[in-house]
């Protein structure tokens, strides 16, 4: 039971997203082949450990609100499966191990990006969730930073192409979350989180934020092609996927707080990002 509880403490689905974006950043940082699979292995391990640590420490910090929300009441701390001290120690050890793995297998720049991701997630996004409906925008920063962990691990620096992918990820976070914020509005209210749909139950604020950052997502998806015109296949995928995202985004904007518009918009956002990133990585590598 305790082993499963520790696993759940790492928020494995969110951790997987961080790992995949870090790997995408590494593979797309340099055109053509030549990747070091040893370095990529260390990057994957280190990012997974650090992301799991952020999940554990976030649950330690939010154990009170989690106990009040239906979708999180069964988590290890509210349910009593683990004690807060266990979560704190576990998360701290994981974070130290993750930073060490990235630093050992990649370089200092990638380790610094990993540390920045943890700091902004735990000490910027997490406390702001109870203070401002713009917390989602703040949370987009640690959500997008893993791609720069990957690019820094490959090149030791961050270039214009890496920042283009970062911008895409940064903007994508907001429309992705707004669909979820509609579906779980009552839960977020019970937890005391001031997300857009709680602060403005009409749904107008969520719709405006979503539309603004969806437009940013589509614009940012064009930036890699401007920097590398050889990305013809990626451009085709980005355009087609972007059309679908825009159509559902328009329905979401018009739908306000209706779950019927929010659910397909949220689910499509889960498809859009890996599809576009996969196309980018493959086109950049081959």
Foldseek 3Di string as FASTA:
>chain_A
DLVVLLVVLLVQVLLVLLLVLLLLLQLLLAFADDHDVQLNVLLSQLSSLLSRLLSLVLCLVLVQLLCQFPVRCPHCDNVVVDDSVVSNVSSVVSNVVSLVSNCVSFNPLLSVLSVVLSCQSNPPLSVCQLPEQCSQLSNLQSQLSSSVSNSCRNPVDADPLSVLSSQLSSLLSLLLVLLVCLVRVVRSVSSNGPHPCVVPVQQQRSLVSNVVSLVSNLVSQCVNCVVPVQLPQLVVLSVVLSVVLVVLSVQSSVVRSDNVSSVVNNVSSVVSVVSSSVSSSVSRHD
